Amino acid sequence: MAPGMEASPQARAALADLAEQVLAVRQDPRPWIERNLFIRTKDRRVVPFRFNPAQIDYYQHRTRFDLIAKPRQLGFTTQVSALFFTDTILRPNTTSVMVAHELESTARIFRIVQLFWERLPDEIKRMVGPPSRSNRREFLWPEINSHFFVGTAGALTFGRGMTIHNLHCSEFAFWPRPEEALVSLTEAVDKEGGRIVIESTPGGVGNFFHDLWTEALEGRGRYAAQFYVWHENPAYAIPGPPLTDLTDDERELKRRWRLSDDQIRWRRAQQADLRGRFLQEYPEDPVTCFLASGRCVFDTRALTAIQGRIAAQPAPMVLTSLPTADGQRLSLAPVTLHVWEQPQPGEQYVVGADIAEGLPDGDASCAVVLNRRSGAQAGEMHGRVSPERFAHLLAALGRYFNGAELGVEAENHGHSTLNTLRNQLRYPYLYHHVAYDSRAGRPREIHLGWPTNSATRPILVDDLAEAINTGSLQINSALLVNECFTFILTDRGSAEAQPGKFDDRVLSAGIAWQLRKRPRARWSSERPPGM
């Protein structure tokens, strides 16, 4: 319109009608998307974008901050691209950012957005105006000052100094340095109305995506957990005759989810190809999909059942101090002590302890308390303090639990803890490890504390695995269960914590279980008489 000229009543009415339409689309974009946006199918046809069942469910339950755990190829990247693209072109001054885990995925996402733009009706394109930039990773529409960017995690060149209104993090479990990248990106998201969608196939326990997922399930943090299973994709089926050899697991799946034999047949084919990675790529529940990237030492089904039991039981007591031998109170800060079973008259308890240096950003020291008779976890003490300070806390913990036998790992910093317990505090019930001469059938060496070496570590791990798998050990700590999920058998054949995770609770529980298997010490803190 030329300067100085007033819009005609018809033009003003058309503009008002367009503004009303745009407002309606912002409130409920699905009809507009399915009417105006096109996608390319696997058989290379270009068709209107119609939401599938899983996409419809997410559309109905989406929030400002979503965390999606899903199987391969349910179409969430396409759907989020469509939602953000629509918001970008119909709301001036909007910046949307899609971040993929690798260059190939970045290019694929941009091709999706490029097709959205190319197949838009001409009247909408005229309303938005032509893009000044339309290259392999970004669109910029100067007439509405809106920007759509597709980037690759680990190679981002933006973030600080800009405002992001829509952020999508795709296959987040596989990003390099995900925590660092997410902090940088989310700091740029509009605090008032910005939206964040983080989605991924699980990728295993121990990654940062799993940490966020755990927080979301526990109601911590700002993300809403959205979980989807493979059989929500109707394409995941292989036609064939009725199956007559169903396993108990398959029968339960059919009953629970009303699956067809064709879906079970597809599941079998994928399991044959992917083996142990099937549940990571095609999840069936929000727990077992987060399997360790290596082979978990413990039975994950048993761990899952333990998680369910723990979630249903009352929260433990949290003690902040313990009585000392002279009747005073010893503060535990900054260590945390959880108690599930207060010491009962006549009961005996054992304590396994793994000792760390106590640095603020290092490993923590831990002690796990078991009821010697029942095998139930009675307590758990955990925190970062010096080995000497932890000795004082262990002595108080042992006295609190009826004079429990203390088994301290006799490696590295554990020697300092043992020295303080024996020579300064004179704690009367310290575990001494007896190594036997298999040929002579008599004690060969006696060590103060539990020695972790090539001979004892496999015994500790194997016995703990059997105790967990059979239910002989009643774990009550959710944090201990989490560590068990990330305690893996590596390609080198060693059992250890997955990189970036910890095993102090696992080792403490293993030592405590070894003490439970052996007769209670009948000697003082000195070496046993006659040995």
Protein backbone atom coordinates (compact mmCIF):
# COMPACT_ATOMS: atom_id res chain seq x y z
CA MET A 1 0.00 0.00 0.00
CA ALA A 2 1.40 3.41 -0.96
CA PRO A 3 2.29 5.78 1.89
CA GLY A 4 -0.58 8.08 2.87
CA MET A 5 -3.26 5.81 1.43
CA GLU A 6 -5.82 4.26 3.76
CA ALA A 7 -6.75 0.61 3.47
CA SER A 8 -10.18 -0.05 2.02
CA PRO A 9 -12.84 -1.54 4.27
CA GLN A 10 -12.51 -4.79 2.33
CA ALA A 11 -8.70 -4.84 2.88
CA ARG A 12 -9.07 -4.06 6.59
CA ALA A 13 -11.65 -6.84 6.91
CA ALA A 14 -9.35 -9.26 5.10
CA LEU A 15 -6.46 -8.35 7.40
CA ALA A 16 -8.65 -8.74 10.47
CA ASP A 17 -9.89 -12.10 9.21
CA LEU A 18 -6.30 -13.22 8.57
CA ALA A 19 -5.23 -12.14 12.06
CA GLU A 20 -8.13 -14.09 13.55
CA GLN A 21 -7.16 -17.16 11.51
CA VAL A 22 -3.54 -16.88 12.61
CA LEU A 23 -4.60 -16.63 16.26
CA ALA A 24 -6.75 -19.75 15.87
CA VAL A 25 -3.83 -21.63 14.30
CA ARG A 26 -1.53 -20.67 17.18
CA GLN A 27 -4.03 -22.07 19.66
CA ASP A 28 -4.65 -25.29 17.73
CA PRO A 29 -2.13 -25.74 14.90
CA ARG A 30 -2.96 -29.34 13.99
CA PRO A 31 -5.76 -28.63 11.43
CA TRP A 32 -3.58 -26.01 9.72
CA ILE A 33 -0.58 -28.36 9.64
CA GLU A 34 -2.55 -31.26 8.18
CA ARG A 35 -4.08 -28.94 5.56
CA ASN A 36 -0.92 -27.10 4.46
CA LEU A 37 2.24 -29.11 5.22
CA PHE A 38 3.58 -32.03 3.19
CA ILE A 39 6.06 -34.80 4.00
CA ARG A 40 8.01 -37.38 1.99
CA THR A 41 7.18 -41.02 2.75
CA LYS A 42 9.58 -43.97 2.79
CA ASP A 43 8.39 -44.96 -0.69
CA ARG A 44 9.33 -41.43 -1.91
CA ARG A 45 5.80 -40.08 -2.29
CA VAL A 46 4.98 -36.53 -1.18
CA VAL A 47 1.73 -36.53 0.80
CA PRO A 48 -0.09 -34.23 3.25
CA PHE A 49 1.17 -34.59 6.81
CA ARG A 50 -1.37 -36.53 8.88
CA PHE A 51 -0.62 -37.18 12.55
CA ASN A 52 -0.22 -40.86 13.47
CA PRO A 53 -1.62 -42.25 16.77
CA ALA A 54 1.53 -41.56 18.78
CA GLN A 55 1.77 -38.02 17.39
CA ILE A 56 -1.88 -37.40 18.25
CA ASP A 57 -1.24 -38.54 21.82
CA TYR A 58 1.77 -36.27 22.18
CA TYR A 59 -0.13 -33.35 20.63
CA GLN A 60 -2.84 -33.74 23.25
CA HIS A 61 -0.42 -34.01 26.19
CA ARG A 62 2.40 -31.67 25.18
CA THR A 63 3.63 -29.03 27.63
CA ARG A 64 6.13 -26.18 27.47
CA PHE A 65 8.97 -28.46 28.56
CA ASP A 66 8.78 -32.05 27.33
CA LEU A 67 11.15 -34.99 27.67
CA ILE A 68 10.26 -37.80 25.26
CA ALA A 69 11.62 -41.36 25.48
CA LYS A 70 10.55 -43.21 22.35
CA PRO A 71 11.41 -45.93 19.83
CA ARG A 72 12.90 -45.38 16.43
CA GLN A 73 10.86 -43.66 13.74
CA LEU A 74 7.62 -42.73 15.44
CA GLY A 75 7.81 -39.35 13.67
CA PHE A 76 8.32 -37.01 16.62
CA THR A 77 11.10 -35.08 14.89
CA THR A 78 8.81 -34.46 11.92
CA GLN A 79 5.94 -33.45 14.19
CA VAL A 80 8.01 -31.06 16.32
CA SER A 81 9.51 -29.59 13.12
CA ALA A 82 5.98 -28.95 11.86
CA LEU A 83 4.81 -27.38 15.13
CA PHE A 84 7.86 -25.10 15.34
CA PHE A 85 7.78 -24.23 11.62
CA THR A 86 4.14 -23.21 11.90
CA ASP A 87 4.83 -21.04 14.94
CA THR A 88 7.85 -19.47 13.23
CA ILE A 89 6.09 -18.32 10.06
CA LEU A 90 2.80 -17.30 11.68
CA ARG A 91 4.30 -15.43 14.63
CA PRO A 92 6.67 -12.59 13.63
CA ASN A 93 9.99 -12.22 15.48
CA THR A 94 10.21 -15.94 16.31
CA THR A 95 13.39 -18.00 16.38
CA SER A 96 13.16 -21.79 16.32
CA VAL A 97 16.15 -24.09 16.71
CA MET A 98 16.37 -27.80 15.95
CA VAL A 99 19.54 -29.57 17.12
CA ALA A 100 20.40 -33.08 15.91
CA HIS A 101 23.06 -35.46 17.20
CA GLU A 102 24.92 -35.87 13.89
CA LEU A 103 25.38 -34.15 10.50
CA GLU A 104 23.29 -36.68 8.59
CA SER A 105 20.32 -36.13 10.88
CA THR A 106 20.80 -32.36 10.67
CA ALA A 107 20.54 -32.54 6.89
CA ARG A 108 17.48 -34.78 7.09
CA ILE A 109 15.65 -32.41 9.44
CA PHE A 110 16.41 -29.46 7.19
CA ARG A 111 15.04 -31.33 4.16
CA ILE A 112 11.80 -31.85 6.13
CA VAL A 113 11.51 -28.11 6.83
CA GLN A 114 12.53 -27.24 3.26
CA LEU A 115 9.67 -29.37 1.91
CA PHE A 116 7.25 -27.66 4.32
CA TRP A 117 8.19 -24.30 2.78
CA GLU A 118 8.30 -25.43 -0.84
CA ARG A 119 4.82 -26.98 -0.74
CA LEU A 120 3.13 -24.15 1.18
CA PRO A 121 0.20 -22.54 -0.67
CA ASP A 122 1.26 -19.38 -2.52
CA GLU A 123 -1.04 -17.10 -0.52
CA ILE A 124 0.69 -18.11 2.71
CA LYS A 125 4.12 -17.60 1.16
CA ARG A 126 3.09 -14.11 0.06
CA MET A 127 1.89 -13.32 3.56
CA VAL A 128 5.21 -14.44 5.09
CA GLY A 129 7.44 -13.02 2.39
CA PRO A 130 10.38 -14.71 0.66
CA PRO A 131 13.30 -15.96 2.76
CA SER A 132 16.53 -14.02 2.36
CA ARG A 133 18.48 -17.10 3.36
CA SER A 134 17.49 -20.66 2.56
CA ASN A 135 20.62 -22.75 2.71
CA ARG A 136 21.40 -26.21 4.02
CA ARG A 137 20.70 -25.37 7.65
CA GLU A 138 18.66 -22.19 8.08
CA PHE A 139 15.74 -20.06 6.91
CA LEU A 140 15.43 -16.34 7.56
CA TRP A 141 12.26 -14.45 6.63
CA PRO A 142 13.18 -10.75 6.89
CA GLU A 143 9.66 -9.36 6.36
CA ILE A 144 8.47 -11.04 9.57
CA ASN A 145 11.93 -11.20 11.22
CA SER A 146 11.58 -14.94 11.94
CA HIS A 147 14.39 -17.45 11.85
CA PHE A 148 14.46 -21.28 11.67
CA PHE A 149 17.84 -22.92 12.33
CA VAL A 150 18.90 -26.59 12.18
CA GLY A 151 22.24 -27.39 13.84
CA THR A 152 24.41 -30.29 14.97
CA ALA A 153 25.27 -30.92 18.61
CA GLY A 154 28.94 -30.34 19.23
CA ALA A 155 29.26 -27.94 16.29
CA LEU A 156 26.88 -25.15 17.31
CA THR A 157 27.99 -21.58 16.62
CA PHE A 158 25.11 -19.76 18.28
CA GLY A 159 23.40 -19.56 21.64
CA ARG A 160 24.71 -16.68 23.70
CA GLY A 161 23.33 -13.28 22.79
CA MET A 162 20.24 -14.59 21.00
CA THR A 163 16.73 -15.49 22.13
CA ILE A 164 15.30 -18.88 21.21
CA HIS A 165 11.54 -19.30 21.33
CA ASN A 166 11.33 -22.96 20.29
CA LEU A 167 14.11 -25.48 20.99
CA HIS A 168 14.13 -29.11 19.91
CA CYS A 169 16.96 -31.44 21.00
CA SER A 170 16.83 -34.59 18.88
CA GLU A 171 18.37 -37.95 19.92
CA PHE A 172 19.74 -36.19 22.98
CA ALA A 173 21.13 -39.38 24.56
CA PHE A 174 23.77 -39.47 21.82
CA TRP A 175 24.99 -35.87 22.01
CA PRO A 176 28.64 -35.20 22.82
CA ARG A 177 28.93 -33.29 26.12
CA PRO A 178 25.12 -33.08 26.41
CA GLU A 179 24.94 -31.33 29.79
CA GLU A 180 27.26 -28.53 28.71
CA ALA A 181 25.42 -28.07 25.39
CA LEU A 182 21.97 -28.08 26.99
CA VAL A 183 22.91 -25.45 29.57
CA SER A 184 24.17 -23.15 26.82
CA LEU A 185 21.03 -23.63 24.71
CA THR A 186 18.44 -23.41 27.47
CA GLU A 187 19.99 -20.21 28.81
CA ALA A 188 19.05 -18.66 25.46
CA VAL A 189 15.41 -19.86 25.56
CA ASP A 190 12.79 -17.18 26.16
CA LYS A 191 11.96 -17.30 29.87
CA GLU A 192 8.37 -16.14 29.45
CA GLY A 193 6.96 -18.33 26.68
CA GLY A 194 9.77 -20.43 25.22
CA ARG A 195 9.25 -24.14 24.56
CA ILE A 196 11.75 -27.00 24.83
CA VAL A 197 11.32 -30.52 23.48
CA ILE A 198 14.04 -33.08 24.25
CA GLU A 199 13.51 -36.45 22.63
CA SER A 200 15.60 -39.57 22.18
CA THR A 201 15.72 -43.30 22.03
CA PRO A 202 16.97 -44.18 25.51
CA GLY A 203 20.60 -45.05 24.75
CA GLY A 204 21.27 -46.69 28.10
CA VAL A 205 21.48 -45.96 31.79
CA GLY A 206 24.30 -43.60 32.68
CA ASN A 207 23.83 -40.91 30.07
CA PHE A 208 22.57 -37.42 30.86
CA PHE A 209 19.25 -38.11 29.12
CA HIS A 210 18.62 -40.86 31.69
CA ASP A 211 19.50 -38.44 34.50
CA LEU A 212 16.90 -35.96 33.19
CA TRP A 213 14.39 -38.78 32.77
CA THR A 214 14.85 -39.96 36.34
CA GLU A 215 14.37 -36.40 37.62
CA ALA A 216 11.20 -36.03 35.55
CA LEU A 217 9.70 -39.29 36.83
CA GLU A 218 10.45 -38.23 40.40
CA GLY A 219 8.76 -34.86 39.83
CA ARG A 220 12.02 -32.92 40.00
CA GLY A 221 13.07 -30.38 37.41
CA ARG A 222 10.83 -28.72 34.86
CA TYR A 223 10.42 -31.43 32.23
CA ALA A 224 7.32 -33.58 31.77
CA ALA A 225 8.19 -37.21 30.99
CA GLN A 226 6.43 -38.51 27.87
CA PHE A 227 6.97 -42.21 27.12
CA TYR A 228 6.05 -44.09 23.93
CA VAL A 229 6.37 -47.76 22.94
CA TRP A 230 7.26 -49.36 19.63
CA HIS A 231 3.84 -50.94 19.01
CA GLU A 232 2.26 -47.48 18.75
CA ASN A 233 3.66 -47.50 15.21
CA PRO A 234 1.20 -49.55 13.09
CA ALA A 235 3.96 -50.21 10.55
CA TYR A 236 5.83 -52.39 13.04
CA ALA A 237 4.22 -55.68 12.00
CA ILE A 238 5.12 -58.59 9.72
CA PRO A 239 2.15 -60.43 8.16
CA GLY A 240 2.03 -64.19 8.54
CA PRO A 241 0.07 -67.14 9.93
CA PRO A 242 -0.96 -67.39 13.60
CA LEU A 243 1.90 -68.11 16.01
CA THR A 244 1.67 -71.33 18.01
CA ASP A 245 4.95 -71.10 19.95
CA LEU A 246 4.47 -67.95 22.03
CA THR A 247 6.69 -67.51 25.08
CA ASP A 248 5.27 -66.44 28.45
CA ASP A 249 6.74 -62.98 27.84
CA GLU A 250 5.01 -62.74 24.46
CA ARG A 251 1.68 -63.93 25.86
CA GLU A 252 1.87 -61.27 28.57
CA LEU A 253 2.64 -58.59 25.97
CA LYS A 254 -0.30 -59.70 23.83
CA ARG A 255 -2.62 -59.67 26.80
CA ARG A 256 -1.44 -56.37 28.23
CA TRP A 257 -1.27 -54.37 24.99
CA ARG A 258 -3.60 -56.43 22.76
CA LEU A 259 -0.85 -57.06 20.27
CA SER A 260 -1.33 -59.13 17.14
CA ASP A 261 0.77 -62.10 16.08
CA ASP A 262 2.08 -59.91 13.25
CA GLN A 263 3.45 -57.44 15.81
CA ILE A 264 5.02 -60.27 17.84
CA ARG A 265 6.58 -61.60 14.62
CA TRP A 266 8.08 -58.15 13.92
CA ARG A 267 9.37 -58.02 17.52
CA ARG A 268 11.10 -61.38 17.12
CA ALA A 269 12.81 -60.22 13.93
CA GLN A 270 14.10 -57.05 15.59
CA GLN A 271 15.29 -58.96 18.65
CA ALA A 272 17.24 -61.32 16.40
CA ASP A 273 18.96 -58.35 14.73
CA LEU A 274 19.55 -56.11 17.75
CA ARG A 275 19.91 -58.75 20.50
CA GLY A 276 20.56 -56.98 23.81
CA ARG A 277 19.95 -53.52 22.33
CA PHE A 278 16.33 -54.17 21.36
CA LEU A 279 14.78 -52.49 24.41
CA GLN A 280 17.01 -49.44 23.96
CA GLU A 281 15.88 -48.97 20.36
CA TYR A 282 12.28 -50.15 20.81
CA PRO A 283 11.22 -49.57 24.44
CA GLU A 284 8.36 -51.43 26.09
CA ASP A 285 8.37 -49.74 29.50
CA PRO A 286 10.05 -46.62 30.91
CA VAL A 287 12.53 -48.56 33.08
CA THR A 288 13.97 -51.49 31.15
CA CYS A 289 14.49 -49.33 28.07
CA PHE A 290 17.33 -47.64 29.96
CA LEU A 291 19.69 -50.57 29.92
CA ALA A 292 23.42 -50.14 30.39
CA SER A 293 25.41 -49.69 27.19
CA GLY A 294 27.50 -52.64 28.35
CA ARG A 295 25.98 -55.85 29.75
CA CYS A 296 24.52 -55.19 33.19
CA VAL A 297 26.05 -57.49 35.81
CA PHE A 298 22.72 -57.83 37.61
CA ASP A 299 19.37 -59.13 36.38
CA THR A 300 17.62 -55.99 35.14
CA ARG A 301 14.21 -57.61 35.60
CA ALA A 302 15.01 -58.17 39.27
CA LEU A 303 16.22 -54.57 39.59
CA THR A 304 13.05 -53.30 37.94
CA ALA A 305 10.93 -55.27 40.41
CA ILE A 306 12.98 -53.85 43.30
CA GLN A 307 12.41 -50.33 41.96
CA GLY A 308 8.66 -50.93 41.96
CA ARG A 309 8.72 -52.20 45.52
CA ILE A 310 10.80 -49.27 46.74
CA ALA A 311 8.48 -46.77 45.06
CA ALA A 312 5.52 -48.23 46.97
CA GLN A 313 7.13 -48.28 50.42
CA PRO A 314 7.45 -45.41 52.92
CA ALA A 315 10.41 -43.05 52.67
CA PRO A 316 13.31 -43.83 55.02
CA MET A 317 14.20 -41.88 58.15
CA VAL A 318 16.93 -39.31 57.64
CA LEU A 319 19.24 -39.00 60.65
CA THR A 320 21.45 -35.93 61.06
CA SER A 321 23.36 -37.08 64.18
CA LEU A 322 24.25 -40.23 66.12
CA PRO A 323 25.06 -40.84 69.80
CA THR A 324 28.73 -41.21 70.72
CA ALA A 325 30.32 -43.55 73.27
CA ASP A 326 30.39 -40.76 75.90
CA GLY A 327 26.70 -39.89 75.49
CA GLN A 328 27.15 -36.86 73.24
CA ARG A 329 25.67 -36.37 69.75
CA LEU A 330 27.89 -36.57 66.68
CA SER A 331 26.74 -34.44 63.74
CA LEU A 332 26.81 -36.34 60.45
CA ALA A 333 26.93 -33.26 58.18
CA PRO A 334 27.62 -33.20 55.30
CA VAL A 335 27.06 -36.96 55.14
CA THR A 336 23.51 -38.30 54.68
CA LEU A 337 22.21 -41.28 56.66
CA HIS A 338 19.03 -43.04 55.56
CA VAL A 339 17.53 -45.63 57.92
CA TRP A 340 14.87 -48.13 56.86
CA GLU A 341 15.09 -50.35 59.96
CA GLN A 342 15.89 -48.92 63.35
CA PRO A 343 18.12 -51.27 65.39
CA GLN A 344 15.99 -53.96 66.96
CA PRO A 345 16.83 -55.66 70.28
CA GLY A 346 18.56 -58.97 69.71
CA GLU A 347 19.28 -58.32 66.02
CA GLN A 348 22.81 -58.23 64.64
CA TYR A 349 23.92 -55.99 61.82
CA VAL A 350 26.85 -55.83 59.40
CA VAL A 351 28.27 -52.75 57.67
CA GLY A 352 30.21 -52.69 54.40
CA ALA A 353 32.15 -49.50 53.65
CA ASP A 354 33.85 -48.13 50.54
CA ILE A 355 36.18 -45.21 51.30
CA ALA A 356 37.04 -42.26 49.05
CA GLU A 357 39.44 -39.36 49.45
CA GLY A 358 36.64 -36.94 50.33
CA LEU A 359 37.29 -34.22 47.74
CA PRO A 360 34.23 -32.03 46.97
CA ASP A 361 34.15 -33.04 43.30
CA GLY A 362 35.45 -36.60 43.76
CA ASP A 363 33.99 -39.95 44.74
CA ALA A 364 31.97 -40.28 47.94
CA SER A 365 32.49 -42.63 50.86
CA CYS A 366 29.63 -45.01 51.54
CA ALA A 367 28.45 -47.51 54.15
CA VAL A 368 25.61 -50.00 53.66
CA VAL A 369 24.00 -51.62 56.73
CA LEU A 370 22.37 -55.06 56.51
CA ASN A 371 20.38 -57.06 59.03
CA ARG A 372 22.55 -60.16 59.46
CA ARG A 373 19.55 -62.47 59.96
CA SER A 374 17.11 -61.22 57.30
CA GLY A 375 19.46 -59.79 54.68
CA ALA A 376 17.38 -56.59 54.52
CA GLN A 377 19.09 -53.24 54.02
CA ALA A 378 18.71 -51.31 57.28
CA GLY A 379 20.68 -48.16 56.49
CA GLU A 380 22.91 -46.28 54.07
CA MET A 381 25.43 -43.55 54.87
CA HIS A 382 26.90 -41.55 51.99
CA GLY A 383 28.90 -38.37 51.56
CA ARG A 384 32.20 -36.65 50.86
CA VAL A 385 34.36 -36.32 53.96
CA SER A 386 37.95 -37.22 54.80
CA PRO A 387 38.76 -40.91 55.48
CA GLU A 388 39.55 -40.05 59.12
CA ARG A 389 36.25 -38.23 59.60
CA PHE A 390 34.37 -41.14 58.01
CA ALA A 391 36.02 -43.47 60.55
CA HIS A 392 34.36 -41.52 63.38
CA LEU A 393 31.01 -41.68 61.58
CA LEU A 394 31.41 -45.42 61.00
CA ALA A 395 32.16 -46.03 64.67
CA ALA A 396 29.01 -44.13 65.66
CA LEU A 397 27.00 -45.98 63.01
CA GLY A 398 28.26 -49.33 64.24
CA ARG A 399 27.41 -48.51 67.86
CA TYR A 400 23.94 -47.31 66.80
CA PHE A 401 23.25 -50.65 65.09
CA ASN A 402 23.87 -52.79 68.18
CA GLY A 403 27.64 -52.93 67.82
CA ALA A 404 27.61 -53.90 64.16
CA GLU A 405 30.60 -55.57 62.56
CA LEU A 406 32.37 -53.09 60.28
CA GLY A 407 33.93 -54.30 57.03
CA VAL A 408 36.02 -51.51 55.48
CA GLU A 409 37.64 -51.93 52.08
CA ALA A 410 41.36 -52.16 52.81
CA GLU A 411 42.53 -50.31 49.71
CA ASN A 412 43.88 -46.79 49.17
CA HIS A 413 42.13 -44.38 51.57
CA GLY A 414 40.51 -47.25 53.44
CA HIS A 415 43.80 -47.81 55.27
CA SER A 416 43.45 -44.39 56.92
CA THR A 417 39.91 -45.19 58.00
CA LEU A 418 40.93 -48.58 59.39
CA ASN A 419 43.90 -47.08 61.22
CA THR A 420 41.64 -44.53 62.95
CA LEU A 421 39.02 -47.16 63.80
CA ARG A 422 41.53 -49.58 65.33
CA ASN A 423 44.25 -47.46 66.90
CA GLN A 424 42.40 -44.27 67.88
CA LEU A 425 38.76 -45.22 68.37
CA ARG A 426 39.36 -48.85 69.36
CA TYR A 427 36.15 -49.96 67.69
CA PRO A 428 35.68 -53.53 68.99
CA TYR A 429 34.15 -55.26 65.95
CA LEU A 430 36.27 -54.88 62.84
CA TYR A 431 36.22 -57.45 60.08
CA HIS A 432 39.45 -59.37 59.50
CA HIS A 433 39.72 -61.17 56.19
CA VAL A 434 41.18 -64.66 56.33
CA ALA A 435 42.81 -66.00 53.18
CA TYR A 436 43.02 -69.77 53.21
CA ASP A 437 45.68 -72.05 51.81
CA SER A 438 43.57 -74.34 49.63
CA ARG A 439 46.16 -77.12 49.71
CA ALA A 440 46.81 -77.05 53.44
CA GLY A 441 43.21 -76.25 54.38
CA ARG A 442 44.20 -73.66 56.96
CA PRO A 443 44.50 -69.88 57.20
CA ARG A 444 47.36 -68.49 55.19
CA GLU A 445 46.98 -64.72 55.72
CA ILE A 446 44.82 -62.48 57.89
CA HIS A 447 44.09 -58.90 56.81
CA LEU A 448 42.30 -56.12 58.66
CA GLY A 449 39.41 -55.05 56.44
CA TRP A 450 38.15 -56.35 53.11
CA PRO A 451 40.93 -56.64 50.48
CA THR A 452 39.67 -56.03 46.97
CA ASN A 453 41.90 -57.92 44.57
CA SER A 454 41.75 -60.25 41.57
CA ALA A 455 40.74 -63.13 43.86
CA THR A 456 38.13 -61.42 46.05
CA ARG A 457 36.43 -58.99 43.66
CA PRO A 458 34.83 -61.69 41.43
CA ILE A 459 33.54 -63.44 44.55
CA LEU A 460 32.04 -60.19 45.86
CA VAL A 461 30.38 -59.35 42.53
CA ASP A 462 29.08 -62.86 41.80
CA ASP A 463 27.68 -63.34 45.30
CA LEU A 464 26.01 -59.93 45.23
CA ALA A 465 24.47 -60.67 41.82
CA GLU A 466 23.07 -63.97 43.08
CA ALA A 467 21.71 -62.31 46.22
CA ILE A 468 19.95 -59.63 44.16
CA ASN A 469 18.67 -62.01 41.49
CA THR A 470 17.25 -64.46 44.05
CA GLY A 471 15.86 -61.79 46.38
CA SER A 472 18.02 -62.91 49.31
CA LEU A 473 19.27 -59.34 49.64
CA GLN A 474 16.42 -56.90 50.21
CA ILE A 475 17.62 -53.58 48.81
CA ASN A 476 15.73 -50.56 50.11
CA SER A 477 17.77 -47.77 48.54
CA ALA A 478 16.67 -46.46 45.15
CA LEU A 479 20.10 -44.91 44.72
CA LEU A 480 21.74 -48.31 45.22
CA VAL A 481 19.44 -49.78 42.57
CA ASN A 482 20.41 -47.00 40.17
CA GLU A 483 24.08 -47.85 40.68
CA CYS A 484 23.31 -51.53 40.05
CA PHE A 485 21.78 -50.64 36.68
CA THR A 486 25.03 -48.92 35.64
CA PHE A 487 27.37 -51.63 36.98
CA ILE A 488 28.38 -53.43 33.81
CA LEU A 489 30.59 -56.17 32.42
CA THR A 490 32.92 -54.41 29.99
CA ASP A 491 34.37 -55.78 26.77
CA ARG A 492 37.56 -56.46 28.74
CA GLY A 493 35.61 -58.74 31.05
CA SER A 494 35.82 -56.54 34.15
CA ALA A 495 32.79 -55.66 36.30
CA GLU A 496 32.73 -51.95 37.03
CA ALA A 497 30.68 -48.77 36.92
CA GLN A 498 29.77 -47.44 33.51
CA PRO A 499 31.94 -44.41 32.57
CA GLY A 500 30.71 -41.29 34.35
CA LYS A 501 28.83 -43.29 37.02
CA PHE A 502 29.70 -44.54 40.51
CA ASP A 503 29.85 -47.90 42.26
CA ASP A 504 30.51 -46.96 45.90
CA ARG A 505 27.07 -48.18 47.01
CA VAL A 506 27.43 -51.40 45.01
CA LEU A 507 30.81 -52.21 46.53
CA SER A 508 29.64 -51.32 50.04
CA ALA A 509 26.63 -53.60 49.67
CA GLY A 510 28.89 -56.36 48.33
CA ILE A 511 31.24 -56.11 51.31
CA ALA A 512 28.30 -56.11 53.74
CA TRP A 513 26.94 -59.23 52.04
CA GLN A 514 30.31 -60.96 52.44
CA LEU A 515 30.30 -60.14 56.16
CA ARG A 516 26.79 -61.58 56.45
CA LYS A 517 27.98 -64.86 54.95
CA ARG A 518 30.71 -65.25 57.57
CA PRO A 519 30.46 -65.83 61.35
CA ARG A 520 30.41 -62.66 63.42
CA ALA A 521 33.85 -61.58 64.65
CA ARG A 522 34.44 -62.70 68.24
CA TRP A 523 37.60 -60.71 68.72
CA SER A 524 38.51 -57.15 69.47
CA SER A 525 39.87 -54.61 67.02
CA GLU A 526 43.26 -56.28 67.40
CA ARG A 527 44.33 -59.19 65.23
CA PRO A 528 42.37 -62.33 66.20
CA PRO A 529 44.22 -64.35 68.87
CA GLY A 530 46.15 -67.31 67.59
CA MET A 531 46.32 -65.99 64.02
